[in-house]
Amino acid sequence: MKSEELKKRTKKYAIEIIKLVQSLPKDRVADVIGKQLLRSGTSVGANYRSACRARSKADFISKMKIVEEEADESLY
């Protein structure tokens, strides 16, 4: 998969996360969960873009681990 395609997909994912959080009910539980989902879900794309600017293969792998962790947290 090309880098630009994944950048587009992660941006679309962030936009869908934002829409989902906006649709949650306005109560305390949804607010807490929504804020966490918003942080982790939108950071997937930001961290992927950071990985694309890695200075070495080891740096890329390290940054991609962060992407994986944030995606896993959003899934949970």
PDB file of N, CA and C in Angstrom:
ATOM      1  N   MET A   1       0.849  -1.180   0.000  1.00  0.00           N
ATOM      2  CA  MET A   1       0.000   0.000   0.000  1.00  0.00           C
ATOM      3  C   MET A   1       0.892   1.240   0.000  1.00  0.00           C
ATOM      4  N   LYS A   2       0.568   2.164  -0.840  1.00  0.00           N
ATOM      5  CA  LYS A   2       1.381   3.363  -0.953  1.00  0.00           C
ATOM      6  C   LYS A   2       1.135   4.290   0.226  1.00  0.00           C
ATOM      7  N   SER A   3       2.166   5.051   0.549  1.00  0.00           N
ATOM      8  CA  SER A   3       2.120   5.986   1.663  1.00  0.00           C
ATOM      9  C   SER A   3       0.972   6.988   1.533  1.00  0.00           C
ATOM     10  N   GLU A   4       0.787   7.553   0.350  1.00  0.00           N
ATOM     11  CA  GLU A   4      -0.264   8.557   0.154  1.00  0.00           C
ATOM     12  C   GLU A   4      -1.657   7.966   0.349  1.00  0.00           C
ATOM     13  N   GLU A   5      -1.848   6.732  -0.068  1.00  0.00           N
ATOM     14  CA  GLU A   5      -3.140   6.074   0.109  1.00  0.00           C
ATOM     15  C   GLU A   5      -3.443   5.894   1.594  1.00  0.00           C
ATOM     16  N   LEU A   6      -2.450   5.467   2.349  1.00  0.00           N
ATOM     17  CA  LEU A   6      -2.655   5.277   3.782  1.00  0.00           C
ATOM     18  C   LEU A   6      -2.853   6.618   4.486  1.00  0.00           C
ATOM     19  N   LYS A   7      -2.204   7.663   4.029  1.00  0.00           N
ATOM     20  CA  LYS A   7      -2.441   8.995   4.599  1.00  0.00           C
ATOM     21  C   LYS A   7      -3.899   9.399   4.403  1.00  0.00           C
ATOM     22  N   LYS A   8      -4.432   9.149   3.217  1.00  0.00           N
ATOM     23  CA  LYS A   8      -5.832   9.479   2.932  1.00  0.00           C
ATOM     24  C   LYS A   8      -6.771   8.641   3.797  1.00  0.00           C
ATOM     25  N   ARG A   9      -6.460   7.365   3.936  1.00  0.00           N
ATOM     26  CA  ARG A   9      -7.318   6.469   4.727  1.00  0.00           C
ATOM     27  C   ARG A   9      -7.311   6.841   6.206  1.00  0.00           C
ATOM     28  N   THR A  10      -6.140   7.219   6.727  1.00  0.00           N
ATOM     29  CA  THR A  10      -6.084   7.585   8.145  1.00  0.00           C
ATOM     30  C   THR A  10      -6.787   8.918   8.389  1.00  0.00           C
ATOM     31  N   LYS A  11      -6.756   9.809   7.400  1.00  0.00           N
ATOM     32  CA  LYS A  11      -7.490  11.075   7.530  1.00  0.00           C
ATOM     33  C   LYS A  11      -8.993  10.811   7.516  1.00  0.00           C
ATOM     34  N   LYS A  12      -9.434   9.941   6.611  1.00  0.00           N
ATOM     35  CA  LYS A  12     -10.850   9.581   6.549  1.00  0.00           C
ATOM     36  C   LYS A  12     -11.283   8.927   7.864  1.00  0.00           C
ATOM     37  N   TYR A  13     -10.423   8.080   8.408  1.00  0.00           N
ATOM     38  CA  TYR A  13     -10.703   7.421   9.696  1.00  0.00           C
ATOM     39  C   TYR A  13     -10.894   8.476  10.789  1.00  0.00           C
ATOM     40  N   ALA A  14     -10.013   9.463  10.840  1.00  0.00           N
ATOM     41  CA  ALA A  14     -10.122  10.529  11.847  1.00  0.00           C
ATOM     42  C   ALA A  14     -11.434  11.291  11.692  1.00  0.00           C
ATOM     43  N   ILE A  15     -11.819  11.581  10.469  1.00  0.00           N
ATOM     44  CA  ILE A  15     -13.069  12.299  10.227  1.00  0.00           C
ATOM     45  C   ILE A  15     -14.267  11.469  10.683  1.00  0.00           C
ATOM     46  N   GLU A  16     -14.226  10.169  10.428  1.00  0.00           N
ATOM     47  CA  GLU A  16     -15.315   9.288  10.875  1.00  0.00           C
ATOM     48  C   GLU A  16     -15.368   9.206  12.405  1.00  0.00           C
ATOM     49  N   ILE A  17     -14.205   9.199  13.041  1.00  0.00           N
ATOM     50  CA  ILE A  17     -14.154   9.202  14.516  1.00  0.00           C
ATOM     51  C   ILE A  17     -14.792  10.481  15.048  1.00  0.00           C
ATOM     52  N   ILE A  18     -14.459  11.608  14.450  1.00  0.00           N
ATOM     53  CA  ILE A  18     -15.021  12.891  14.876  1.00  0.00           C
ATOM     54  C   ILE A  18     -16.541  12.866  14.749  1.00  0.00           C
ATOM     55  N   LYS A  19     -17.040  12.377  13.628  1.00  0.00           N
ATOM     56  CA  LYS A  19     -18.489  12.293  13.427  1.00  0.00           C
ATOM     57  C   LYS A  19     -19.138  11.381  14.463  1.00  0.00           C
ATOM     58  N   LEU A  20     -18.499  10.257  14.748  1.00  0.00           N
ATOM     59  CA  LEU A  20     -19.029   9.329  15.743  1.00  0.00           C
ATOM     60  C   LEU A  20     -19.105   9.990  17.114  1.00  0.00           C
ATOM     61  N   VAL A  21     -18.036  10.642  17.526  1.00  0.00           N
ATOM     62  CA  VAL A  21     -18.008  11.289  18.841  1.00  0.00           C
ATOM     63  C   VAL A  21     -19.072  12.384  18.915  1.00  0.00           C
ATOM     64  N   GLN A  22     -19.259  13.125  17.846  1.00  0.00           N
ATOM     65  CA  GLN A  22     -20.282  14.170  17.831  1.00  0.00           C
ATOM     66  C   GLN A  22     -21.687  13.597  17.959  1.00  0.00           C
ATOM     67  N   SER A  23     -21.875  12.355  17.544  1.00  0.00           N
ATOM     68  CA  SER A  23     -23.206  11.749  17.593  1.00  0.00           C
ATOM     69  C   SER A  23     -23.522  11.079  18.928  1.00  0.00           C
ATOM     70  N   LEU A  24     -22.544  10.989  19.811  1.00  0.00           N
ATOM     71  CA  LEU A  24     -22.769  10.338  21.100  1.00  0.00           C
ATOM     72  C   LEU A  24     -23.743  11.152  21.945  1.00  0.00           C
ATOM     73  N   PRO A  25     -24.457  10.487  22.856  1.00  0.00           N
ATOM     74  CA  PRO A  25     -25.365  11.222  23.741  1.00  0.00           C
ATOM     75  C   PRO A  25     -24.580  12.210  24.616  1.00  0.00           C
ATOM     76  N   LYS A  26     -25.261  13.221  25.064  1.00  0.00           N
ATOM     77  CA  LYS A  26     -24.619  14.248  25.890  1.00  0.00           C
ATOM     78  C   LYS A  26     -24.764  13.872  27.363  1.00  0.00           C
ATOM     79  N   ASP A  27     -23.927  12.935  27.795  1.00  0.00           N
ATOM     80  CA  ASP A  27     -23.890  12.586  29.215  1.00  0.00           C
ATOM     81  C   ASP A  27     -22.448  12.371  29.635  1.00  0.00           C
ATOM     82  N   ARG A  28     -22.244  12.198  30.916  1.00  0.00           N
ATOM     83  CA  ARG A  28     -20.882  12.138  31.464  1.00  0.00           C
ATOM     84  C   ARG A  28     -20.080  10.960  30.923  1.00  0.00           C
ATOM     85  N   VAL A  29     -20.680   9.793  30.864  1.00  0.00           N
ATOM     86  CA  VAL A  29     -19.976   8.596  30.392  1.00  0.00           C
ATOM     87  C   VAL A  29     -19.567   8.759  28.928  1.00  0.00           C
ATOM     88  N   ALA A  30     -20.500   9.182  28.106  1.00  0.00           N
ATOM     89  CA  ALA A  30     -20.199   9.366  26.683  1.00  0.00           C
ATOM     90  C   ALA A  30     -19.142  10.444  26.500  1.00  0.00           C
ATOM     91  N   ASP A  31     -19.164  11.469  27.342  1.00  0.00           N
ATOM     92  CA  ASP A  31     -18.179  12.546  27.250  1.00  0.00           C
ATOM     93  C   ASP A  31     -16.772  12.023  27.531  1.00  0.00           C
ATOM     94  N   VAL A  32     -16.628  11.241  28.584  1.00  0.00           N
ATOM     95  CA  VAL A  32     -15.317  10.698  28.949  1.00  0.00           C
ATOM     96  C   VAL A  32     -14.811   9.728  27.873  1.00  0.00           C
ATOM     97  N   ILE A  33     -15.654   8.803  27.471  1.00  0.00           N
ATOM     98  CA  ILE A  33     -15.263   7.825  26.450  1.00  0.00           C
ATOM     99  C   ILE A  33     -15.025   8.519  25.110  1.00  0.00           C
ATOM    100  N   GLY A  34     -15.881   9.458  24.773  1.00  0.00           N
ATOM    101  CA  GLY A  34     -15.745  10.189  23.519  1.00  0.00           C
ATOM    102  C   GLY A  34     -14.448  10.965  23.424  1.00  0.00           C
ATOM    103  N   LYS A  35     -14.072  11.613  24.516  1.00  0.00           N
ATOM    104  CA  LYS A  35     -12.806  12.372  24.504  1.00  0.00           C
ATOM    105  C   LYS A  35     -11.615  11.451  24.282  1.00  0.00           C
ATOM    106  N   GLN A  36     -11.629  10.295  24.935  1.00  0.00           N
ATOM    107  CA  GLN A  36     -10.516   9.357  24.768  1.00  0.00           C
ATOM    108  C   GLN A  36     -10.489   8.796  23.354  1.00  0.00           C
ATOM    109  N   LEU A  37     -11.649   8.446  22.827  1.00  0.00           N
ATOM    110  CA  LEU A  37     -11.726   7.937  21.462  1.00  0.00           C
ATOM    111  C   LEU A  37     -11.276   9.005  20.466  1.00  0.00           C
ATOM    112  N   LEU A  38     -11.654  10.233  20.703  1.00  0.00           N
ATOM    113  CA  LEU A  38     -11.253  11.330  19.827  1.00  0.00           C
ATOM    114  C   LEU A  38      -9.731  11.490  19.818  1.00  0.00           C
ATOM    115  N   ARG A  39      -9.129  11.412  20.990  1.00  0.00           N
ATOM    116  CA  ARG A  39      -7.658  11.541  21.077  1.00  0.00           C
ATOM    117  C   ARG A  39      -6.957  10.385  20.372  1.00  0.00           C
ATOM    118  N   SER A  40      -7.344   9.169  20.684  1.00  0.00           N
ATOM    119  CA  SER A  40      -6.647   8.019  20.099  1.00  0.00           C
ATOM    120  C   SER A  40      -6.961   7.862  18.618  1.00  0.00           C
ATOM    121  N   GLY A  41      -8.208   8.077  18.243  1.00  0.00           N
ATOM    122  CA  GLY A  41      -8.603   7.890  16.850  1.00  0.00           C
ATOM    123  C   GLY A  41      -7.989   8.896  15.891  1.00  0.00           C
ATOM    124  N   THR A  42      -7.894  10.138  16.333  1.00  0.00           N
ATOM    125  CA  THR A  42      -7.312  11.151  15.452  1.00  0.00           C
ATOM    126  C   THR A  42      -5.789  11.111  15.457  1.00  0.00           C
ATOM    127  N   SER A  43      -5.201  10.516  16.473  1.00  0.00           N
ATOM    128  CA  SER A  43      -3.738  10.458  16.522  1.00  0.00           C
ATOM    129  C   SER A  43      -3.163   9.383  15.602  1.00  0.00           C
ATOM    130  N   VAL A  44      -3.998   8.453  15.149  1.00  0.00           N
ATOM    131  CA  VAL A  44      -3.515   7.408  14.240  1.00  0.00           C
ATOM    132  C   VAL A  44      -2.894   8.048  12.998  1.00  0.00           C
ATOM    133  N   GLY A  45      -3.627   8.924  12.361  1.00  0.00           N
ATOM    134  CA  GLY A  45      -3.130   9.584  11.151  1.00  0.00           C
ATOM    135  C   GLY A  45      -1.961  10.503  11.418  1.00  0.00           C
ATOM    136  N   ALA A  46      -2.029  11.250  12.508  1.00  0.00           N
ATOM    137  CA  ALA A  46      -0.938  12.166  12.847  1.00  0.00           C
ATOM    138  C   ALA A  46       0.361  11.399  13.097  1.00  0.00           C
ATOM    139  N   ASN A  47       0.247  10.299  13.809  1.00  0.00           N
ATOM    140  CA  ASN A  47       1.450   9.507  14.084  1.00  0.00           C
ATOM    141  C   ASN A  47       1.951   8.778  12.838  1.00  0.00           C
ATOM    142  N   TYR A  48       1.040   8.393  11.957  1.00  0.00           N
ATOM    143  CA  TYR A  48       1.476   7.768  10.705  1.00  0.00           C
ATOM    144  C   TYR A  48       2.269   8.773   9.869  1.00  0.00           C
ATOM    145  N   ARG A  49       1.788  10.002   9.813  1.00  0.00           N
ATOM    146  CA  ARG A  49       2.506  11.033   9.062  1.00  0.00           C
ATOM    147  C   ARG A  49       3.886  11.273   9.662  1.00  0.00           C
ATOM    148  N   SER A  50       3.959  11.212  10.972  1.00  0.00           N
ATOM    149  CA  SER A  50       5.247  11.342  11.642  1.00  0.00           C
ATOM    150  C   SER A  50       6.165  10.181  11.272  1.00  0.00           C
ATOM    151  N   ALA A  51       5.625   8.979  11.208  1.00  0.00           N
ATOM    152  CA  ALA A  51       6.419   7.805  10.830  1.00  0.00           C
ATOM    153  C   ALA A  51       6.964   7.949   9.417  1.00  0.00           C
ATOM    154  N   CYS A  52       6.174   8.560   8.545  1.00  0.00           N
ATOM    155  CA  CYS A  52       6.622   8.754   7.155  1.00  0.00           C
ATOM    156  C   CYS A  52       7.826   9.687   7.068  1.00  0.00           C
ATOM    157  N   ARG A  53       8.028  10.483   8.103  1.00  0.00           N
ATOM    158  CA  ARG A  53       9.181  11.387   8.138  1.00  0.00           C
ATOM    159  C   ARG A  53      10.321  10.842   9.010  1.00  0.00           C
ATOM    160  N   ALA A  54      10.286   9.561   9.287  1.00  0.00           N
ATOM    161  CA  ALA A  54      11.302   8.933  10.143  1.00  0.00           C
ATOM    162  C   ALA A  54      12.696   9.099   9.544  1.00  0.00           C
ATOM    163  N   ARG A  55      13.673   9.179  10.418  1.00  0.00           N
ATOM    164  CA  ARG A  55      15.063   9.383   9.993  1.00  0.00           C
ATOM    165  C   ARG A  55      15.804   8.081   9.712  1.00  0.00           C
ATOM    166  N   SER A  56      15.221   6.985  10.163  1.00  0.00           N
ATOM    167  CA  SER A  56      15.861   5.685   9.939  1.00  0.00           C
ATOM    168  C   SER A  56      14.786   4.601   9.972  1.00  0.00           C
ATOM    169  N   LYS A  57      15.188   3.404   9.581  1.00  0.00           N
ATOM    170  CA  LYS A  57      14.252   2.277   9.619  1.00  0.00           C
ATOM    171  C   LYS A  57      13.813   2.006  11.057  1.00  0.00           C
ATOM    172  N   ALA A  58      14.746   2.087  11.991  1.00  0.00           N
ATOM    173  CA  ALA A  58      14.417   1.858  13.399  1.00  0.00           C
ATOM    174  C   ALA A  58      13.441   2.919  13.916  1.00  0.00           C
ATOM    175  N   ASP A  59      13.650   4.166  13.509  1.00  0.00           N
ATOM    176  CA  ASP A  59      12.751   5.251  13.902  1.00  0.00           C
ATOM    177  C   ASP A  59      11.360   5.018  13.312  1.00  0.00           C
ATOM    178  N   PHE A  60      11.300   4.589  12.061  1.00  0.00           N
ATOM    179  CA  PHE A  60      10.025   4.294  11.405  1.00  0.00           C
ATOM    180  C   PHE A  60       9.286   3.201  12.167  1.00  0.00           C
ATOM    181  N   ILE A  61       9.972   2.128  12.489  1.00  0.00           N
ATOM    182  CA  ILE A  61       9.345   1.014  13.206  1.00  0.00           C
ATOM    183  C   ILE A  61       8.831   1.475  14.562  1.00  0.00           C
ATOM    184  N   SER A  62       9.625   2.260  15.258  1.00  0.00           N
ATOM    185  CA  SER A  62       9.217   2.776  16.562  1.00  0.00           C
ATOM    186  C   SER A  62       7.956   3.625  16.456  1.00  0.00           C
ATOM    187  N   LYS A  63       7.913   4.488  15.460  1.00  0.00           N
ATOM    188  CA  LYS A  63       6.753   5.357  15.279  1.00  0.00           C
ATOM    189  C   LYS A  63       5.529   4.568  14.828  1.00  0.00           C
ATOM    190  N   MET A  64       5.744   3.545  14.024  1.00  0.00           N
ATOM    191  CA  MET A  64       4.623   2.715  13.597  1.00  0.00           C
ATOM    192  C   MET A  64       4.037   1.922  14.764  1.00  0.00           C
ATOM    193  N   LYS A  65       4.848   1.594  15.751  1.00  0.00           N
ATOM    194  CA  LYS A  65       4.341   0.926  16.958  1.00  0.00           C
ATOM    195  C   LYS A  65       3.360   1.839  17.680  1.00  0.00           C
ATOM    196  N   ILE A  66       3.646   3.142  17.683  1.00  0.00           N
ATOM    197  CA  ILE A  66       2.735   4.112  18.300  1.00  0.00           C
ATOM    198  C   ILE A  66       1.424   4.145  17.528  1.00  0.00           C
ATOM    199  N   VAL A  67       1.505   4.132  16.201  1.00  0.00           N
ATOM    200  CA  VAL A  67       0.304   4.094  15.361  1.00  0.00           C
ATOM    201  C   VAL A  67      -0.531   2.862  15.716  1.00  0.00           C
ATOM    202  N   GLU A  68       0.135   1.732  15.817  1.00  0.00           N
ATOM    203  CA  GLU A  68      -0.552   0.487  16.150  1.00  0.00           C
ATOM    204  C   GLU A  68      -1.223   0.567  17.524  1.00  0.00           C
ATOM    205  N   GLU A  69      -0.523   1.121  18.503  1.00  0.00           N
ATOM    206  CA  GLU A  69      -1.075   1.242  19.855  1.00  0.00           C
ATOM    207  C   GLU A  69      -2.312   2.138  19.873  1.00  0.00           C
ATOM    208  N   GLU A  70      -2.244   3.259  19.175  1.00  0.00           N
ATOM    209  CA  GLU A  70      -3.379   4.179  19.139  1.00  0.00           C
ATOM    210  C   GLU A  70      -4.577   3.552  18.424  1.00  0.00           C
ATOM    211  N   ALA A  71      -4.333   2.831  17.348  1.00  0.00           N
ATOM    212  CA  ALA A  71      -5.419   2.149  16.631  1.00  0.00           C
ATOM    213  C   ALA A  71      -6.044   1.080  17.525  1.00  0.00           C
ATOM    214  N   ASP A  72      -5.207   0.340  18.249  1.00  0.00           N
ATOM    215  CA  ASP A  72      -5.703  -0.697  19.152  1.00  0.00           C
ATOM    216  C   ASP A  72      -6.518  -0.070  20.280  1.00  0.00           C
ATOM    217  N   GLU A  73      -6.060   1.047  20.798  1.00  0.00           N
ATOM    218  CA  GLU A  73      -6.802   1.732  21.872  1.00  0.00           C
ATOM    219  C   GLU A  73      -8.158   2.195  21.349  1.00  0.00           C
ATOM    220  N   SER A  74      -8.190   2.707  20.131  1.00  0.00           N
ATOM    221  CA  SER A  74      -9.465   3.144  19.545  1.00  0.00           C
ATOM    222  C   SER A  74     -10.406   1.957  19.359  1.00  0.00           C
ATOM    223  N   LEU A  75      -9.870   0.836  18.925  1.00  0.00           N
ATOM    224  CA  LEU A  75     -10.671  -0.366  18.756  1.00  0.00           C
ATOM    225  C   LEU A  75     -11.287  -0.817  20.065  1.00  0.00           C
ATOM    226  N   TYR A  76     -10.515  -0.747  21.138  1.00  0.00           N
ATOM    227  CA  TYR A  76     -11.008  -1.167  22.441  1.00  0.00           C
ATOM    228  C   TYR A  76     -12.184  -0.312  22.869  1.00  0.00           C
TER     229      TYR A  76
END
